[in-house]
Amino acid sequence: MNSADDFNPQPGPAVELEPGLRRILAPNPSPMTFRGTNTYLIGTGSLAVIDPGPECAPHLEAILAAVQPGQRITHIVVTHSHLDHSPLARGLSQATGAPVYAFGGAGAGRSAIMSRLAASGLAEGGEGIDTGFAPDITVRDSDVIGGDGWELEVIHTPGHLGNHIALAWNDACFTADHVMGWASSLVSPPDGDLTDFMASCRRLRQRSWRVFHPGHGAPVTDPAGRLDWLIAHRQSREAAILQALGQAPATARALAEQIYTETPPALLKAAERNVFAHLVDLSGRGLAAPQETLSAASVFALRGD
């Protein structure tokens, strides 16, 4: 995992990562976004902008300033509708005339069980959903978005959010918030689904990648190793939860306090949502169950206890 000192670019300037690819860091650092959101520019003539980022006038100006003579922005691609990735898409589209591509609005791709939790009143856990987001052009898994000299293959990777997509660019992949080097991805019901997240990890693992370009942090130069770590990390969290439930039934909150002992208090709520995501997954697999109705406040026990 990259340390904080490994990645500390300045917001604003467009930095060339390789021929045909530049990155602009948005000025929105936080405990959840690390240094800020990475906005990517693909191409040398017609340009695709991946994840314009948060509503931020200086960042919009930085993106427009990165357009060189003979270039124009023709495609805007949003990987998912969190507030640190999608809101600027509309302003950028208005400034350039480029359409916005995405898997769908905030509820697109949500699994059946997460839809039931949302319908029961479970609100998002503070990650910031861009509820008004709607693309001009809806893409589906395996679609190809193409411009002058470049193509992006859409890979639907639900888990962090139901409408989350990764984008394959030759042997590189823009993994947004599904795979990052600086931290593991947050999976927070009802928008995040751990069962989907693990399936998406395993799907990405089936292909040979040279590099991952994440939504936050530095490029991931060992994609296979990072995916293996993410899968093992989640499996270790699952083992810790099952061990704790073997001692006594517990809520997601109590389990988070017991397991995430080094987590800062400000992030404990996110840890609780991660634990709840595991509990929903364990329930779906028949390994644990809520003692009453499934909810974020439920007391869970091992199946059969």
Protein backbone atom coordinates (compact mmCIF):
# COMPACT_ATOMS: atom_id res chain seq x y z
CA MET A 1 0.00 0.00 0.00
CA ASN A 2 1.33 3.42 -0.94
CA SER A 3 2.36 5.63 1.94
CA ALA A 4 1.13 9.20 2.16
CA ASP A 5 4.54 10.48 1.07
CA ASP A 6 4.49 8.46 -2.16
CA PHE A 7 1.79 10.58 -3.75
CA ASN A 8 1.57 14.30 -3.13
CA PRO A 9 1.00 16.17 -6.42
CA GLN A 10 -0.31 19.71 -6.59
CA PRO A 11 -3.95 20.23 -7.56
CA GLY A 12 -4.50 21.92 -10.90
CA PRO A 13 -1.67 21.16 -13.34
CA ALA A 14 -2.17 18.36 -15.86
CA VAL A 15 0.57 15.75 -15.37
CA GLU A 16 1.44 13.36 -18.20
CA LEU A 17 1.49 9.77 -16.93
CA GLU A 18 2.23 8.18 -20.30
CA PRO A 19 1.62 9.12 -23.95
CA GLY A 20 -2.02 9.98 -24.40
CA LEU A 21 -2.82 10.07 -20.67
CA ARG A 22 -2.77 13.00 -18.26
CA ARG A 23 -4.03 13.39 -14.69
CA ILE A 24 -5.37 16.46 -12.91
CA LEU A 25 -5.78 16.33 -9.13
CA ALA A 26 -8.90 18.00 -7.78
CA PRO A 27 -8.47 20.20 -4.67
CA ASN A 28 -10.72 18.08 -2.43
CA PRO A 29 -8.45 16.22 0.02
CA SER A 30 -10.12 14.44 2.95
CA PRO A 31 -9.85 11.24 4.99
CA MET A 32 -12.11 9.59 2.40
CA THR A 33 -10.54 11.05 -0.77
CA PHE A 34 -6.84 11.06 0.21
CA ARG A 35 -5.11 13.87 -1.76
CA GLY A 36 -8.24 14.46 -3.83
CA THR A 37 -10.03 13.04 -6.85
CA ASN A 38 -7.98 12.05 -9.88
CA THR A 39 -9.43 13.38 -13.13
CA TYR A 40 -7.96 11.75 -16.23
CA LEU A 41 -7.65 13.03 -19.78
CA ILE A 42 -7.32 10.41 -22.53
CA GLY A 43 -6.26 11.16 -26.10
CA THR A 44 -4.23 13.63 -28.13
CA GLY A 45 -6.93 15.07 -30.42
CA SER A 46 -10.42 14.31 -29.26
CA LEU A 47 -10.23 13.95 -25.48
CA ALA A 48 -12.14 11.87 -22.98
CA VAL A 49 -12.35 13.20 -19.45
CA ILE A 50 -12.77 10.46 -16.84
CA ASP A 51 -14.36 11.59 -13.56
CA PRO A 52 -14.55 15.39 -13.72
CA GLY A 53 -14.82 15.39 -9.94
CA PRO A 54 -16.65 17.55 -7.40
CA GLU A 55 -18.47 20.80 -8.10
CA CYS A 56 -15.47 23.11 -8.04
CA ALA A 57 -14.87 26.14 -10.27
CA PRO A 58 -11.03 26.05 -10.05
CA HIS A 59 -11.03 22.38 -11.04
CA LEU A 60 -13.28 23.08 -14.01
CA GLU A 61 -10.88 25.83 -15.05
CA ALA A 62 -7.94 23.44 -14.68
CA ILE A 63 -9.59 20.83 -16.91
CA LEU A 64 -10.40 23.41 -19.60
CA ALA A 65 -6.89 24.86 -19.37
CA ALA A 66 -5.44 21.40 -20.06
CA VAL A 67 -7.02 21.34 -23.53
CA GLN A 68 -4.16 22.14 -25.91
CA PRO A 69 -4.36 23.71 -29.38
CA GLY A 70 -5.94 21.25 -31.81
CA GLN A 71 -7.65 19.35 -29.01
CA ARG A 72 -11.22 19.31 -27.77
CA ILE A 73 -13.13 17.41 -25.12
CA THR A 74 -15.58 15.08 -26.89
CA HIS A 75 -16.47 12.57 -24.16
CA ILE A 76 -17.06 12.86 -20.40
CA VAL A 77 -17.10 9.50 -18.61
CA VAL A 78 -18.23 9.15 -15.00
CA THR A 79 -17.26 5.97 -13.19
CA HIS A 80 -19.86 6.35 -10.42
CA SER A 81 -22.10 8.96 -8.86
CA HIS A 82 -20.39 9.87 -5.60
CA LEU A 83 -20.10 13.61 -4.94
CA ASP A 84 -16.32 13.55 -5.38
CA HIS A 85 -16.56 12.10 -8.90
CA SER A 86 -19.66 13.14 -10.83
CA PRO A 87 -21.09 16.63 -10.06
CA LEU A 88 -18.71 18.61 -12.27
CA ALA A 89 -19.75 16.53 -15.29
CA ARG A 90 -22.72 18.79 -16.02
CA GLY A 91 -20.74 22.01 -15.92
CA LEU A 92 -17.98 20.51 -18.04
CA SER A 93 -20.56 19.29 -20.53
CA GLN A 94 -22.11 22.75 -20.72
CA ALA A 95 -18.69 24.31 -21.27
CA THR A 96 -17.59 21.88 -23.98
CA GLY A 97 -20.73 20.39 -25.54
CA ALA A 98 -19.44 16.88 -24.78
CA PRO A 99 -22.00 14.31 -23.64
CA VAL A 100 -21.75 12.53 -20.30
CA TYR A 101 -21.41 8.74 -20.31
CA ALA A 102 -22.14 6.54 -17.26
CA PHE A 103 -23.81 3.30 -16.21
CA GLY A 104 -26.82 5.23 -14.96
CA GLY A 105 -28.14 7.33 -12.12
CA ALA A 106 -27.54 6.86 -8.42
CA GLY A 107 -29.72 3.75 -8.09
CA ALA A 108 -28.55 1.97 -11.23
CA GLY A 109 -26.97 -1.44 -10.70
CA ARG A 110 -28.10 -1.73 -7.09
CA SER A 111 -28.56 -5.37 -6.04
CA ALA A 112 -31.95 -6.72 -4.98
CA ILE A 113 -31.05 -7.00 -1.32
CA MET A 114 -29.65 -3.46 -1.24
CA SER A 115 -32.79 -2.21 -2.97
CA ARG A 116 -34.83 -3.79 -0.18
CA LEU A 117 -32.65 -2.17 2.48
CA ALA A 118 -33.00 1.22 0.80
CA ALA A 119 -36.77 0.75 0.56
CA SER A 120 -36.85 -0.08 4.28
CA GLY A 121 -35.37 3.34 5.06
CA LEU A 122 -31.63 2.64 5.32
CA ALA A 123 -29.92 5.85 4.21
CA GLU A 124 -26.46 6.14 2.74
CA GLY A 125 -23.73 6.36 5.31
CA GLY A 126 -22.34 9.80 4.56
CA GLU A 127 -20.22 8.98 1.51
CA GLY A 128 -22.13 11.57 -0.49
CA ILE A 129 -24.37 10.31 -3.30
CA ASP A 130 -24.97 12.60 -6.26
CA THR A 131 -28.68 11.81 -6.27
CA GLY A 132 -29.48 14.12 -9.18
CA PHE A 133 -26.85 12.67 -11.51
CA ALA A 134 -28.10 11.38 -14.87
CA PRO A 135 -25.87 10.66 -17.87
CA ASP A 136 -26.65 11.79 -21.39
CA ILE A 137 -25.64 8.37 -22.69
CA THR A 138 -26.09 5.20 -20.64
CA VAL A 139 -23.45 2.51 -21.10
CA ARG A 140 -23.56 -1.16 -20.25
CA ASP A 141 -21.00 -3.81 -19.44
CA SER A 142 -18.66 -4.55 -22.38
CA ASP A 143 -19.66 -1.40 -24.29
CA VAL A 144 -16.79 0.41 -26.00
CA ILE A 145 -16.51 4.20 -25.86
CA GLY A 146 -14.25 5.43 -28.64
CA GLY A 147 -12.62 8.60 -29.86
CA ASP A 148 -9.79 9.66 -32.15
CA GLY A 149 -7.07 7.07 -31.52
CA TRP A 150 -8.43 5.67 -28.24
CA GLU A 151 -11.01 3.21 -26.94
CA LEU A 152 -12.34 2.56 -23.45
CA GLU A 153 -14.03 -0.75 -22.64
CA VAL A 154 -16.71 -0.53 -19.97
CA ILE A 155 -16.44 -3.10 -17.17
CA HIS A 156 -19.34 -2.98 -14.73
CA THR A 157 -17.74 -3.34 -11.28
CA PRO A 158 -20.52 -2.94 -8.68
CA GLY A 159 -19.58 -3.16 -5.04
CA HIS A 160 -18.41 0.27 -3.95
CA LEU A 161 -21.54 1.59 -5.67
CA GLY A 162 -24.05 -0.20 -7.86
CA ASN A 163 -23.39 2.01 -10.90
CA HIS A 164 -19.61 1.77 -10.60
CA ILE A 165 -17.65 1.00 -13.75
CA ALA A 166 -14.00 0.43 -14.52
CA LEU A 167 -12.58 1.39 -17.90
CA ALA A 168 -10.06 -0.73 -19.78
CA TRP A 169 -7.62 1.22 -21.93
CA ASN A 170 -5.43 -1.34 -23.69
CA ASP A 171 -3.62 -3.11 -20.81
CA ALA A 172 -4.32 -0.31 -18.33
CA CYS A 173 -7.51 0.04 -16.33
CA PHE A 174 -9.14 3.04 -14.68
CA THR A 175 -10.46 1.42 -11.52
CA ALA A 176 -11.93 4.52 -9.83
CA ASP A 177 -12.79 3.61 -6.22
CA HIS A 178 -12.92 -0.15 -6.68
CA VAL A 179 -9.14 -0.65 -6.50
CA MET A 180 -6.85 1.98 -4.99
CA GLY A 181 -3.31 1.75 -3.70
CA TRP A 182 -3.59 3.99 -0.64
CA ALA A 183 -6.55 2.27 1.04
CA SER A 184 -9.13 -0.46 0.62
CA SER A 185 -12.42 0.52 -0.98
CA LEU A 186 -15.35 1.51 1.21
CA VAL A 187 -18.37 -0.77 0.86
CA SER A 188 -21.34 0.84 2.59
CA PRO A 189 -24.91 -0.46 2.27
CA PRO A 190 -27.39 0.23 0.79
CA ASP A 191 -25.25 1.60 -2.05
CA GLY A 192 -22.27 -0.66 -1.50
CA ASP A 193 -22.62 -4.44 -1.73
CA LEU A 194 -19.81 -6.70 -0.55
CA THR A 195 -21.02 -9.74 -2.48
CA ASP A 196 -20.87 -7.68 -5.66
CA PHE A 197 -17.54 -6.14 -4.62
CA MET A 198 -15.83 -9.51 -4.24
CA ALA A 199 -17.25 -10.74 -7.55
CA SER A 200 -15.95 -7.59 -9.27
CA CYS A 201 -12.49 -8.11 -7.75
CA ARG A 202 -12.39 -11.68 -9.01
CA ARG A 203 -13.57 -10.58 -12.43
CA LEU A 204 -10.80 -7.99 -12.75
CA ARG A 205 -8.32 -10.62 -11.51
CA GLN A 206 -9.08 -12.82 -14.52
CA ARG A 207 -7.36 -10.39 -16.87
CA SER A 208 -3.71 -9.43 -17.20
CA TRP A 209 -3.18 -5.74 -16.46
CA ARG A 210 -0.08 -3.59 -16.65
CA VAL A 211 -1.30 -0.80 -14.37
CA PHE A 212 -4.40 0.47 -12.55
CA HIS A 213 -5.17 4.19 -12.50
CA PRO A 214 -7.40 4.71 -9.44
CA GLY A 215 -9.82 7.45 -8.49
CA HIS A 216 -7.56 8.50 -5.62
CA GLY A 217 -3.85 8.04 -5.08
CA ALA A 218 -0.95 6.88 -7.20
CA PRO A 219 -1.01 4.36 -10.06
CA VAL A 220 -1.12 0.75 -8.90
CA THR A 221 1.82 -0.92 -10.62
CA ASP A 222 1.11 -4.46 -9.39
CA PRO A 223 -2.57 -4.88 -10.24
CA ALA A 224 -2.70 -8.63 -9.64
CA GLY A 225 -0.97 -8.30 -6.30
CA ARG A 226 -3.25 -5.48 -5.23
CA LEU A 227 -6.38 -7.45 -6.15
CA ASP A 228 -5.04 -10.45 -4.24
CA TRP A 229 -4.47 -8.19 -1.24
CA LEU A 230 -7.98 -6.73 -1.44
CA ILE A 231 -9.57 -10.17 -1.60
CA ALA A 232 -7.41 -11.45 1.27
CA HIS A 233 -8.11 -8.31 3.29
CA ARG A 234 -11.85 -8.83 3.02
CA GLN A 235 -11.48 -12.50 3.83
CA SER A 236 -9.52 -11.61 6.97
CA ARG A 237 -12.25 -9.16 8.03
CA GLU A 238 -14.81 -11.89 7.46
CA ALA A 239 -12.80 -14.32 9.59
CA ALA A 240 -12.57 -11.76 12.40
CA ILE A 241 -16.33 -11.16 12.27
CA LEU A 242 -17.11 -14.87 12.32
CA GLN A 243 -14.72 -15.35 15.24
CA ALA A 244 -16.37 -12.55 17.19
CA LEU A 245 -19.85 -13.87 16.47
CA GLY A 246 -18.64 -17.24 17.68
CA GLN A 247 -18.21 -15.63 21.09
CA ALA A 248 -21.59 -13.88 21.20
CA PRO A 249 -24.21 -12.29 18.93
CA ALA A 250 -23.46 -8.64 18.19
CA THR A 251 -24.43 -5.60 16.17
CA ALA A 252 -22.34 -4.14 13.36
CA ARG A 253 -21.42 -1.25 15.65
CA ALA A 254 -20.17 -3.51 18.43
CA LEU A 255 -18.21 -5.63 15.96
CA ALA A 256 -16.60 -2.55 14.41
CA GLU A 257 -15.48 -1.30 17.82
CA GLN A 258 -14.04 -4.73 18.59
CA ILE A 259 -12.30 -5.32 15.25
CA TYR A 260 -11.25 -1.85 14.01
CA THR A 261 -9.19 -1.05 17.09
CA GLU A 262 -6.75 1.26 15.25
CA THR A 263 -9.38 3.20 13.31
CA PRO A 264 -9.71 6.92 14.20
CA PRO A 265 -13.04 7.72 15.87
CA ALA A 266 -14.05 9.91 12.93
CA LEU A 267 -13.92 6.88 10.62
CA LEU A 268 -15.65 4.42 12.94
CA LYS A 269 -19.02 5.01 11.28
CA ALA A 270 -17.52 3.99 7.93
CA ALA A 271 -16.01 0.93 9.61
CA GLU A 272 -19.43 0.05 11.00
CA ARG A 273 -20.90 0.21 7.49
CA ASN A 274 -18.11 -2.03 6.22
CA VAL A 275 -18.92 -4.57 8.93
CA PHE A 276 -22.61 -4.38 8.09
CA ALA A 277 -21.72 -5.07 4.44
CA HIS A 278 -19.93 -8.22 5.59
CA LEU A 279 -22.90 -9.25 7.72
CA VAL A 280 -25.29 -8.87 4.78
CA ASP A 281 -22.93 -10.96 2.65
CA LEU A 282 -22.62 -13.62 5.37
CA SER A 283 -26.39 -13.71 5.69
CA GLY A 284 -26.77 -14.22 1.95
CA ARG A 285 -24.32 -17.11 2.11
CA GLY A 286 -26.07 -18.74 5.05
CA LEU A 287 -23.21 -18.26 7.52
CA ALA A 288 -24.86 -15.69 9.79
CA ALA A 289 -28.30 -14.20 10.27
CA PRO A 290 -29.98 -11.26 11.97
CA GLN A 291 -31.97 -12.27 15.03
CA GLU A 292 -34.91 -10.25 13.71
CA THR A 293 -35.41 -8.19 10.52
CA LEU A 294 -32.29 -7.36 8.53
CA SER A 295 -31.22 -3.79 9.30
CA ALA A 296 -28.09 -1.82 10.16
CA ALA A 297 -29.01 -2.03 13.86
CA SER A 298 -29.72 -5.79 13.86
CA VAL A 299 -28.09 -8.17 16.27
CA PHE A 300 -26.43 -10.91 14.22
CA ALA A 301 -25.54 -14.45 15.23
CA LEU A 302 -23.89 -17.38 13.54
CA ARG A 303 -26.36 -19.46 11.59
CA GLY A 304 -27.77 -22.10 13.91
CA ASP A 305 -26.80 -20.24 17.12
